[in-house]
Amino acid sequence: MLVSAKEMLNKAREGKYAVGQFNINNLEWTKAILLTAQELSSPVILGVSEGAGKYMCGYKTVVGMVKGMIEELGITVPVALHLDHGTFEGAKACINAGFSSIMFDGSHYPIQENIEKTTALVNACDVLGLSLEAEVGAIGGEEDGVIGAGECADPNECKMIADLGVTMLAAGIGNIHGKYPENWPGLSFETLAAVKEKVGDMPLVLHGGTGIPEDMIKKAISLGVAKINVNTECQLSFQAATRKYIEEGKDLQGKGFDPRKLLAPGFEAIKATVKEKMELFGSVGKA
């Protein structure tokens, strides 16, 4: 059964750990993340970007696959299925398809428009018992073709959005999606502390979790971050393991060309990456 992310994030915030959102791209990804969460007794959030949703044949297909897997694999830890960086239309589509959590990214709109659109979704999610994530201050890097530098959110604007009754807030604190450049100045803890002061107990979300040094991750969690998004790191470990398998010629031995065999090393690599992150975030044993 899918659950809203509300309870798991409130518990994480109080317990000073974070729940990982791991983006899914296909069956292998989803299975690897769910099995690791179950093995480590950790709550988990499965993230789906609009691009990945389209790639996996639409949101209904994703919901069917995830619900079927939870049942067939006997997954008992809390699992939220979350739209990542959704448009207003995408958010409505995911609500209709049966997602248990939604992110509406209105960070590129003027603040008034972000408020109006977020308010409409707060009402819909409240009625249905879904969790809602909002964003203030665009996260840098590339996300579905949009490239930006890591901006810092305005703490006053964060308060305006938090006051609408969203479940969690993604505030830009100099973080970016994808690999971090050599000259990245690091996270702005000053911004994070200022945002925390304005929004109080609201669980905060850190996007672009790949490549942020461990000490920074831990400090961010101590300052109220309860959800950390990981995507690129799983993709890189999958890619490295798949490349190794092919470079060693294993796809040419016996039935090594069978996609189940070909994708197995990548699958194991995702599991290892997710385990590493859950341990770092402190969510192991918290289900």
C-alpha atoms as a PDB file:
ATOM      1  CA  MET A   1       0.000   0.000   0.000  1.00  0.00           C
ATOM      2  CA  LEU A   2       1.220   3.483  -0.849  1.00  0.00           C
ATOM      3  CA  VAL A   3       1.268   6.108   1.891  1.00  0.00           C
ATOM      4  CA  SER A   4       1.566   9.873   2.022  1.00  0.00           C
ATOM      5  CA  ALA A   5       5.050  11.117   2.942  1.00  0.00           C
ATOM      6  CA  LYS A   6       3.673  13.281   5.757  1.00  0.00           C
ATOM      7  CA  GLU A   7       4.080  10.910   8.690  1.00  0.00           C
ATOM      8  CA  MET A   8       7.491   9.571   7.620  1.00  0.00           C
ATOM      9  CA  LEU A   9       8.870  13.094   7.208  1.00  0.00           C
ATOM     10  CA  ASN A  10       7.499  14.404  10.498  1.00  0.00           C
ATOM     11  CA  LYS A  11       9.079  11.410  12.248  1.00  0.00           C
ATOM     12  CA  ALA A  12      12.348  12.025  10.406  1.00  0.00           C
ATOM     13  CA  ARG A  13      12.406  15.694  11.357  1.00  0.00           C
ATOM     14  CA  GLU A  14      11.779  14.853  15.017  1.00  0.00           C
ATOM     15  CA  GLY A  15      14.307  12.002  14.986  1.00  0.00           C
ATOM     16  CA  LYS A  16      16.966  14.097  13.207  1.00  0.00           C
ATOM     17  CA  TYR A  17      17.363  11.802  10.206  1.00  0.00           C
ATOM     18  CA  ALA A  18      16.199  12.085   6.596  1.00  0.00           C
ATOM     19  CA  VAL A  19      14.166   9.868   4.275  1.00  0.00           C
ATOM     20  CA  GLY A  20      15.686   9.353   0.851  1.00  0.00           C
ATOM     21  CA  GLN A  21      13.720  10.032  -2.321  1.00  0.00           C
ATOM     22  CA  PHE A  22      15.180   7.785  -4.987  1.00  0.00           C
ATOM     23  CA  ASN A  23      14.028   8.476  -8.521  1.00  0.00           C
ATOM     24  CA  ILE A  24      12.851   5.482 -10.531  1.00  0.00           C
ATOM     25  CA  ASN A  25      13.411   4.992 -14.253  1.00  0.00           C
ATOM     26  CA  ASN A  26      12.228   1.436 -14.927  1.00  0.00           C
ATOM     27  CA  LEU A  27      11.426  -1.935 -13.333  1.00  0.00           C
ATOM     28  CA  GLU A  28      15.028  -2.670 -12.225  1.00  0.00           C
ATOM     29  CA  TRP A  29      15.286   0.688 -10.461  1.00  0.00           C
ATOM     30  CA  THR A  30      11.978   0.288  -8.653  1.00  0.00           C
ATOM     31  CA  LYS A  31      12.658  -3.289  -7.560  1.00  0.00           C
ATOM     32  CA  ALA A  32      16.195  -2.465  -6.345  1.00  0.00           C
ATOM     33  CA  ILE A  33      15.008   0.485  -4.241  1.00  0.00           C
ATOM     34  CA  LEU A  34      12.007  -1.318  -2.726  1.00  0.00           C
ATOM     35  CA  LEU A  35      14.021  -4.431  -1.814  1.00  0.00           C
ATOM     36  CA  THR A  36      16.790  -2.346  -0.205  1.00  0.00           C
ATOM     37  CA  ALA A  37      14.269  -0.341   1.830  1.00  0.00           C
ATOM     38  CA  GLN A  38      12.686  -3.590   3.046  1.00  0.00           C
ATOM     39  CA  GLU A  39      16.052  -5.198   3.872  1.00  0.00           C
ATOM     40  CA  LEU A  40      17.141  -2.132   5.870  1.00  0.00           C
ATOM     41  CA  SER A  41      13.702  -1.506   7.392  1.00  0.00           C
ATOM     42  CA  SER A  42      13.730   2.057   6.080  1.00  0.00           C
ATOM     43  CA  PRO A  43      10.852   4.250   4.890  1.00  0.00           C
ATOM     44  CA  VAL A  44      11.344   5.306   1.268  1.00  0.00           C
ATOM     45  CA  ILE A  45      10.029   7.766  -1.310  1.00  0.00           C
ATOM     46  CA  LEU A  46      10.005   6.749  -4.981  1.00  0.00           C
ATOM     47  CA  GLY A  47      10.400   9.848  -7.142  1.00  0.00           C
ATOM     48  CA  VAL A  48       9.054  10.080 -10.686  1.00  0.00           C
ATOM     49  CA  SER A  49       9.908  13.050 -12.875  1.00  0.00           C
ATOM     50  CA  GLU A  50       7.476  13.959 -15.646  1.00  0.00           C
ATOM     51  CA  GLY A  51      10.058  12.803 -18.206  1.00  0.00           C
ATOM     52  CA  ALA A  52      10.473   9.425 -16.485  1.00  0.00           C
ATOM     53  CA  GLY A  53       6.685   9.121 -16.176  1.00  0.00           C
ATOM     54  CA  LYS A  54       6.362   9.576 -19.930  1.00  0.00           C
ATOM     55  CA  TYR A  55       9.206   7.110 -20.557  1.00  0.00           C
ATOM     56  CA  MET A  56       7.480   4.463 -18.410  1.00  0.00           C
ATOM     57  CA  CYS A  57       4.247   4.779 -20.456  1.00  0.00           C
ATOM     58  CA  GLY A  58       2.388   7.213 -18.215  1.00  0.00           C
ATOM     59  CA  TYR A  59       1.514   7.619 -14.545  1.00  0.00           C
ATOM     60  CA  LYS A  60      -1.098   4.839 -14.444  1.00  0.00           C
ATOM     61  CA  THR A  61       1.529   2.342 -15.618  1.00  0.00           C
ATOM     62  CA  VAL A  62       3.902   3.544 -12.890  1.00  0.00           C
ATOM     63  CA  VAL A  63       1.217   3.246 -10.179  1.00  0.00           C
ATOM     64  CA  GLY A  64       0.310  -0.266 -11.387  1.00  0.00           C
ATOM     65  CA  MET A  65       3.926  -1.417 -11.405  1.00  0.00           C
ATOM     66  CA  VAL A  66       4.747   0.017  -7.961  1.00  0.00           C
ATOM     67  CA  LYS A  67       1.574  -1.281  -6.287  1.00  0.00           C
ATOM     68  CA  GLY A  68       2.015  -4.711  -7.881  1.00  0.00           C
ATOM     69  CA  MET A  69       5.631  -4.896  -6.741  1.00  0.00           C
ATOM     70  CA  ILE A  70       4.824  -3.889  -3.160  1.00  0.00           C
ATOM     71  CA  GLU A  71       2.323  -6.747  -3.037  1.00  0.00           C
ATOM     72  CA  GLU A  72       4.397  -9.381  -4.856  1.00  0.00           C
ATOM     73  CA  LEU A  73       7.643  -8.619  -2.981  1.00  0.00           C
ATOM     74  CA  GLY A  74       5.883  -8.416   0.382  1.00  0.00           C
ATOM     75  CA  ILE A  75       7.086  -4.863   1.065  1.00  0.00           C
ATOM     76  CA  THR A  76       5.878  -3.711   4.489  1.00  0.00           C
ATOM     77  CA  VAL A  77       7.929  -0.528   5.026  1.00  0.00           C
ATOM     78  CA  PRO A  78       6.209   2.820   4.295  1.00  0.00           C
ATOM     79  CA  VAL A  79       6.467   3.686   0.581  1.00  0.00           C
ATOM     80  CA  ALA A  80       5.384   6.997  -0.918  1.00  0.00           C
ATOM     81  CA  LEU A  81       5.081   7.407  -4.693  1.00  0.00           C
ATOM     82  CA  HIS A  82       5.983  11.013  -5.415  1.00  0.00           C
ATOM     83  CA  LEU A  83       5.854  13.234  -8.494  1.00  0.00           C
ATOM     84  CA  ASP A  84       9.181  15.075  -8.731  1.00  0.00           C
ATOM     85  CA  HIS A  85       9.265  18.677 -10.039  1.00  0.00           C
ATOM     86  CA  GLY A  86       5.723  18.506 -11.321  1.00  0.00           C
ATOM     87  CA  THR A  87       3.995  21.127 -13.414  1.00  0.00           C
ATOM     88  CA  PHE A  88       0.482  22.142 -12.368  1.00  0.00           C
ATOM     89  CA  GLU A  89      -0.997  19.879 -15.078  1.00  0.00           C
ATOM     90  CA  GLY A  90       1.360  17.024 -14.175  1.00  0.00           C
ATOM     91  CA  ALA A  91       0.387  17.317 -10.520  1.00  0.00           C
ATOM     92  CA  LYS A  92      -3.307  17.003 -11.398  1.00  0.00           C
ATOM     93  CA  ALA A  93      -2.586  13.994 -13.646  1.00  0.00           C
ATOM     94  CA  CYS A  94      -0.650  12.204 -10.868  1.00  0.00           C
ATOM     95  CA  ILE A  95      -3.395  12.895  -8.341  1.00  0.00           C
ATOM     96  CA  ASN A  96      -5.844  11.244 -10.745  1.00  0.00           C
ATOM     97  CA  ALA A  97      -3.514   8.309 -11.450  1.00  0.00           C
ATOM     98  CA  GLY A  98      -3.159   7.364  -7.770  1.00  0.00           C
ATOM     99  CA  PHE A  99       0.190   8.821  -6.625  1.00  0.00           C
ATOM    100  CA  SER A 100       0.387   9.241  -2.842  1.00  0.00           C
ATOM    101  CA  SER A 101       2.563  12.352  -2.880  1.00  0.00           C
ATOM    102  CA  ILE A 102       2.997  15.292  -5.238  1.00  0.00           C
ATOM    103  CA  MET A 103       5.591  17.949  -5.831  1.00  0.00           C
ATOM    104  CA  PHE A 104       4.458  21.110  -7.541  1.00  0.00           C
ATOM    105  CA  ASP A 105       7.442  23.143  -8.649  1.00  0.00           C
ATOM    106  CA  GLY A 106       6.224  26.712  -9.018  1.00  0.00           C
ATOM    107  CA  SER A 107       9.667  28.175  -8.312  1.00  0.00           C
ATOM    108  CA  HIS A 108       9.971  29.687 -11.803  1.00  0.00           C
ATOM    109  CA  TYR A 109       6.677  31.608 -11.461  1.00  0.00           C
ATOM    110  CA  PRO A 110       6.391  35.022  -9.811  1.00  0.00           C
ATOM    111  CA  ILE A 111       5.697  34.348  -6.105  1.00  0.00           C
ATOM    112  CA  GLN A 112       2.007  35.364  -6.354  1.00  0.00           C
ATOM    113  CA  GLU A 113       1.372  32.819  -9.115  1.00  0.00           C
ATOM    114  CA  ASN A 114       3.326  30.144  -7.218  1.00  0.00           C
ATOM    115  CA  ILE A 115       1.056  30.863  -4.212  1.00  0.00           C
ATOM    116  CA  GLU A 116      -2.178  30.648  -6.264  1.00  0.00           C
ATOM    117  CA  LYS A 117      -1.280  27.371  -7.964  1.00  0.00           C
ATOM    118  CA  THR A 118       0.095  25.819  -4.750  1.00  0.00           C
ATOM    119  CA  THR A 119      -3.087  26.805  -2.872  1.00  0.00           C
ATOM    120  CA  ALA A 120      -5.269  24.981  -5.400  1.00  0.00           C
ATOM    121  CA  LEU A 121      -3.176  21.829  -4.974  1.00  0.00           C
ATOM    122  CA  VAL A 122      -3.075  22.106  -1.155  1.00  0.00           C
ATOM    123  CA  ASN A 123      -6.865  21.898  -1.165  1.00  0.00           C
ATOM    124  CA  ALA A 124      -6.974  18.891  -3.519  1.00  0.00           C
ATOM    125  CA  CYS A 125      -4.232  17.003  -1.621  1.00  0.00           C
ATOM    126  CA  ASP A 126      -5.840  17.719   1.749  1.00  0.00           C
ATOM    127  CA  VAL A 127      -9.119  16.177   0.666  1.00  0.00           C
ATOM    128  CA  LEU A 128      -7.373  13.059  -0.686  1.00  0.00           C
ATOM    129  CA  GLY A 129      -4.811  12.680   2.118  1.00  0.00           C
ATOM    130  CA  LEU A 130      -1.794  13.141  -0.142  1.00  0.00           C
ATOM    131  CA  SER A 131       1.427  14.901   0.823  1.00  0.00           C
ATOM    132  CA  LEU A 132       2.448  18.001  -1.133  1.00  0.00           C
ATOM    133  CA  GLU A 133       5.915  19.435  -1.688  1.00  0.00           C
ATOM    134  CA  ALA A 134       6.394  22.999  -2.910  1.00  0.00           C
ATOM    135  CA  GLU A 135       9.546  24.758  -4.085  1.00  0.00           C
ATOM    136  CA  VAL A 136      10.953  28.254  -3.632  1.00  0.00           C
ATOM    137  CA  GLY A 137      14.184  29.380  -5.314  1.00  0.00           C
ATOM    138  CA  ALA A 138      15.055  27.237  -8.326  1.00  0.00           C
ATOM    139  CA  ILE A 139      17.429  24.316  -7.787  1.00  0.00           C
ATOM    140  CA  GLY A 140      20.331  24.581 -10.206  1.00  0.00           C
ATOM    141  CA  GLY A 141      21.676  22.026 -12.670  1.00  0.00           C
ATOM    142  CA  GLU A 142      19.712  20.207 -15.347  1.00  0.00           C
ATOM    143  CA  GLU A 143      16.264  18.825 -14.609  1.00  0.00           C
ATOM    144  CA  ASP A 144      14.291  17.609 -17.636  1.00  0.00           C
ATOM    145  CA  GLY A 145      16.133  19.997 -19.939  1.00  0.00           C
ATOM    146  CA  VAL A 146      16.001  23.100 -17.735  1.00  0.00           C
ATOM    147  CA  ILE A 147      19.432  24.354 -16.656  1.00  0.00           C
ATOM    148  CA  GLY A 148      20.019  26.779 -13.799  1.00  0.00           C
ATOM    149  CA  ALA A 149      22.672  27.818 -11.291  1.00  0.00           C
ATOM    150  CA  GLY A 150      22.041  26.914  -7.647  1.00  0.00           C
ATOM    151  CA  GLU A 151      19.971  29.809  -6.320  1.00  0.00           C
ATOM    152  CA  CYS A 152      19.223  30.624  -2.717  1.00  0.00           C
ATOM    153  CA  ALA A 153      15.567  30.986  -1.742  1.00  0.00           C
ATOM    154  CA  ASP A 154      14.152  34.087  -0.075  1.00  0.00           C
ATOM    155  CA  PRO A 155      13.209  32.994   3.486  1.00  0.00           C
ATOM    156  CA  ASN A 156      10.179  35.343   3.480  1.00  0.00           C
ATOM    157  CA  GLU A 157       8.845  33.753   0.288  1.00  0.00           C
ATOM    158  CA  CYS A 158       9.435  30.345   1.880  1.00  0.00           C
ATOM    159  CA  LYS A 159       7.243  31.372   4.786  1.00  0.00           C
ATOM    160  CA  MET A 160       4.488  32.553   2.416  1.00  0.00           C
ATOM    161  CA  ILE A 161       4.430  29.135   0.710  1.00  0.00           C
ATOM    162  CA  ALA A 162       4.809  27.142   3.963  1.00  0.00           C
ATOM    163  CA  ASP A 163       1.856  29.014   5.467  1.00  0.00           C
ATOM    164  CA  LEU A 164      -0.404  27.665   2.698  1.00  0.00           C
ATOM    165  CA  GLY A 165      -0.340  24.272   4.420  1.00  0.00           C
ATOM    166  CA  VAL A 166       2.045  22.274   2.229  1.00  0.00           C
ATOM    167  CA  THR A 167       3.600  19.147   3.789  1.00  0.00           C
ATOM    168  CA  MET A 168       7.234  19.881   2.946  1.00  0.00           C
ATOM    169  CA  LEU A 169       9.253  22.621   1.345  1.00  0.00           C
ATOM    170  CA  ALA A 170      12.173  22.483  -1.080  1.00  0.00           C
ATOM    171  CA  ALA A 171      14.206  25.649  -0.638  1.00  0.00           C
ATOM    172  CA  GLY A 172      17.169  26.384  -2.884  1.00  0.00           C
ATOM    173  CA  ILE A 173      20.324  26.644  -0.759  1.00  0.00           C
ATOM    174  CA  GLY A 174      22.934  26.582  -3.538  1.00  0.00           C
ATOM    175  CA  ASN A 175      22.273  22.918  -4.376  1.00  0.00           C
ATOM    176  CA  ILE A 176      22.130  21.696  -7.968  1.00  0.00           C
ATOM    177  CA  HIS A 177      20.945  18.625  -9.878  1.00  0.00           C
ATOM    178  CA  GLY A 178      23.483  16.376 -11.529  1.00  0.00           C
ATOM    179  CA  LYS A 179      27.246  16.439 -10.916  1.00  0.00           C
ATOM    180  CA  TYR A 180      28.604  19.403  -8.972  1.00  0.00           C
ATOM    181  CA  PRO A 181      31.192  21.572 -10.783  1.00  0.00           C
ATOM    182  CA  GLU A 182      34.752  21.876  -9.417  1.00  0.00           C
ATOM    183  CA  ASN A 183      34.166  25.466  -8.276  1.00  0.00           C
ATOM    184  CA  TRP A 184      30.877  24.804  -6.422  1.00  0.00           C
ATOM    185  CA  PRO A 185      30.877  26.965  -3.269  1.00  0.00           C
ATOM    186  CA  GLY A 186      28.919  24.432  -1.187  1.00  0.00           C
ATOM    187  CA  LEU A 187      25.541  24.638   0.533  1.00  0.00           C
ATOM    188  CA  SER A 188      24.436  27.919   2.096  1.00  0.00           C
ATOM    189  CA  PHE A 189      23.697  26.903   5.687  1.00  0.00           C
ATOM    190  CA  GLU A 190      23.008  30.556   6.403  1.00  0.00           C
ATOM    191  CA  THR A 191      20.037  30.409   4.006  1.00  0.00           C
ATOM    192  CA  LEU A 192      18.912  27.061   5.425  1.00  0.00           C
ATOM    193  CA  ALA A 193      18.974  28.376   9.002  1.00  0.00           C
ATOM    194  CA  ALA A 194      17.073  31.526   7.958  1.00  0.00           C
ATOM    195  CA  VAL A 195      14.435  29.442   6.149  1.00  0.00           C
ATOM    196  CA  LYS A 196      14.108  27.102   9.137  1.00  0.00           C
ATOM    197  CA  GLU A 197      13.566  30.080  11.429  1.00  0.00           C
ATOM    198  CA  LYS A 198      10.706  31.336   9.227  1.00  0.00           C
ATOM    199  CA  VAL A 199       8.949  28.010   8.569  1.00  0.00           C
ATOM    200  CA  GLY A 200       9.359  26.375  11.987  1.00  0.00           C
ATOM    201  CA  ASP A 201       8.573  22.664  12.040  1.00  0.00           C
ATOM    202  CA  MET A 202       7.982  22.237   8.310  1.00  0.00           C
ATOM    203  CA  PRO A 203      10.119  19.319   6.980  1.00  0.00           C
ATOM    204  CA  LEU A 204      12.632  20.717   4.476  1.00  0.00           C
ATOM    205  CA  VAL A 205      13.767  18.999   1.289  1.00  0.00           C
ATOM    206  CA  LEU A 206      17.265  18.912  -0.171  1.00  0.00           C
ATOM    207  CA  HIS A 207      17.331  18.368  -3.937  1.00  0.00           C
ATOM    208  CA  GLY A 208      20.460  17.371  -5.828  1.00  0.00           C
ATOM    209  CA  GLY A 209      21.721  14.988  -3.128  1.00  0.00           C
ATOM    210  CA  THR A 210      24.336  13.437  -5.454  1.00  0.00           C
ATOM    211  CA  GLY A 211      27.843  14.667  -4.759  1.00  0.00           C
ATOM    212  CA  ILE A 212      27.150  16.739  -1.649  1.00  0.00           C
ATOM    213  CA  PRO A 213      29.883  15.896   0.914  1.00  0.00           C
ATOM    214  CA  GLU A 214      28.737  13.724   3.841  1.00  0.00           C
ATOM    215  CA  ASP A 215      29.452  16.346   6.495  1.00  0.00           C
ATOM    216  CA  MET A 216      27.250  18.851   4.623  1.00  0.00           C
ATOM    217  CA  ILE A 217      24.443  16.262   4.359  1.00  0.00           C
ATOM    218  CA  LYS A 218      24.626  15.631   8.117  1.00  0.00           C
ATOM    219  CA  LYS A 219      24.660  19.339   8.912  1.00  0.00           C
ATOM    220  CA  ALA A 220      21.645  19.929   6.634  1.00  0.00           C
ATOM    221  CA  ILE A 221      19.734  17.153   8.462  1.00  0.00           C
ATOM    222  CA  SER A 222      20.587  18.758  11.831  1.00  0.00           C
ATOM    223  CA  LEU A 223      19.080  22.019  10.490  1.00  0.00           C
ATOM    224  CA  GLY A 224      15.693  20.528   9.576  1.00  0.00           C
ATOM    225  CA  VAL A 225      16.176  18.716   6.254  1.00  0.00           C
ATOM    226  CA  ALA A 226      13.993  15.572   6.435  1.00  0.00           C
ATOM    227  CA  LYS A 227      13.949  14.494   2.767  1.00  0.00           C
ATOM    228  CA  ILE A 228      16.935  14.175   0.452  1.00  0.00           C
ATOM    229  CA  ASN A 229      16.610  13.461  -3.256  1.00  0.00           C
ATOM    230  CA  VAL A 230      19.012  11.083  -5.011  1.00  0.00           C
ATOM    231  CA  ASN A 231      18.934  10.334  -8.722  1.00  0.00           C
ATOM    232  CA  THR A 232      22.213  10.874 -10.582  1.00  0.00           C
ATOM    233  CA  GLU A 233      24.231   8.712  -8.157  1.00  0.00           C
ATOM    234  CA  CYS A 234      22.093   5.630  -8.866  1.00  0.00           C
ATOM    235  CA  GLN A 235      22.359   6.295 -12.596  1.00  0.00           C
ATOM    236  CA  LEU A 236      26.151   6.550 -12.403  1.00  0.00           C
ATOM    237  CA  SER A 237      26.536   3.332 -10.389  1.00  0.00           C
ATOM    238  CA  PHE A 238      24.157   1.497 -12.766  1.00  0.00           C
ATOM    239  CA  GLN A 239      26.146   2.761 -15.753  1.00  0.00           C
ATOM    240  CA  ALA A 240      29.532   1.782 -14.281  1.00  0.00           C
ATOM    241  CA  ALA A 241      28.422  -1.767 -13.424  1.00  0.00           C
ATOM    242  CA  THR A 242      26.783  -2.276 -16.839  1.00  0.00           C
ATOM    243  CA  ARG A 243      29.877  -0.951 -18.652  1.00  0.00           C
ATOM    244  CA  LYS A 244      32.134  -3.320 -16.654  1.00  0.00           C
ATOM    245  CA  TYR A 245      29.945  -6.337 -17.509  1.00  0.00           C
ATOM    246  CA  ILE A 246      30.137  -5.546 -21.236  1.00  0.00           C
ATOM    247  CA  GLU A 247      33.829  -4.568 -21.229  1.00  0.00           C
ATOM    248  CA  GLU A 248      34.637  -7.914 -19.598  1.00  0.00           C
ATOM    249  CA  GLY A 249      32.799  -9.607 -22.449  1.00  0.00           C
ATOM    250  CA  LYS A 250      30.297 -11.299 -20.167  1.00  0.00           C
ATOM    251  CA  ASP A 251      27.440 -10.486 -22.533  1.00  0.00           C
ATOM    252  CA  LEU A 252      29.175 -12.719 -25.095  1.00  0.00           C
ATOM    253  CA  GLN A 253      29.495 -15.743 -22.786  1.00  0.00           C
ATOM    254  CA  GLY A 254      26.693 -18.345 -22.748  1.00  0.00           C
ATOM    255  CA  LYS A 255      23.361 -16.606 -22.203  1.00  0.00           C
ATOM    256  CA  GLY A 256      25.057 -13.405 -21.040  1.00  0.00           C
ATOM    257  CA  PHE A 257      23.053 -11.444 -23.596  1.00  0.00           C
ATOM    258  CA  ASP A 258      19.788 -12.194 -21.725  1.00  0.00           C
ATOM    259  CA  PRO A 259      18.585  -8.785 -20.497  1.00  0.00           C
ATOM    260  CA  ARG A 260      17.967 -10.241 -17.055  1.00  0.00           C
ATOM    261  CA  LYS A 261      21.656 -11.190 -16.867  1.00  0.00           C
ATOM    262  CA  LEU A 262      22.846  -8.042 -18.621  1.00  0.00           C
ATOM    263  CA  LEU A 263      21.019  -5.739 -16.209  1.00  0.00           C
ATOM    264  CA  ALA A 264      21.753  -7.719 -13.024  1.00  0.00           C
ATOM    265  CA  PRO A 265      25.100  -6.045 -12.156  1.00  0.00           C
ATOM    266  CA  GLY A 266      23.509  -2.591 -12.593  1.00  0.00           C
ATOM    267  CA  PHE A 267      20.590  -3.661 -10.413  1.00  0.00           C
ATOM    268  CA  GLU A 268      22.990  -4.755  -7.633  1.00  0.00           C
ATOM    269  CA  ALA A 269      24.899  -1.469  -7.997  1.00  0.00           C
ATOM    270  CA  ILE A 270      21.707   0.546  -7.454  1.00  0.00           C
ATOM    271  CA  LYS A 271      20.982  -1.509  -4.321  1.00  0.00           C
ATOM    272  CA  ALA A 272      24.461  -0.776  -2.974  1.00  0.00           C
ATOM    273  CA  THR A 273      24.097   2.958  -3.647  1.00  0.00           C
ATOM    274  CA  VAL A 274      20.657   3.123  -2.003  1.00  0.00           C
ATOM    275  CA  LYS A 275      21.995   1.239   1.054  1.00  0.00           C
ATOM    276  CA  GLU A 276      24.904   3.672   1.360  1.00  0.00           C
ATOM    277  CA  LYS A 277      22.533   6.652   1.203  1.00  0.00           C
ATOM    278  CA  MET A 278      20.019   5.237   3.690  1.00  0.00           C
ATOM    279  CA  GLU A 279      22.881   4.653   6.130  1.00  0.00           C
ATOM    280  CA  LEU A 280      24.164   8.198   5.619  1.00  0.00           C
ATOM    281  CA  PHE A 281      20.689   9.726   5.995  1.00  0.00           C
ATOM    282  CA  GLY A 282      20.043   7.742   9.193  1.00  0.00           C
ATOM    283  CA  SER A 283      16.763   6.137   8.028  1.00  0.00           C
ATOM    284  CA  VAL A 284      17.859   2.502   8.564  1.00  0.00           C
ATOM    285  CA  GLY A 285      15.613   0.712  11.061  1.00  0.00           C
ATOM    286  CA  LYS A 286      13.163   3.620  11.168  1.00  0.00           C
ATOM    287  CA  ALA A 287      10.278   1.991   9.236  1.00  0.00           C
END
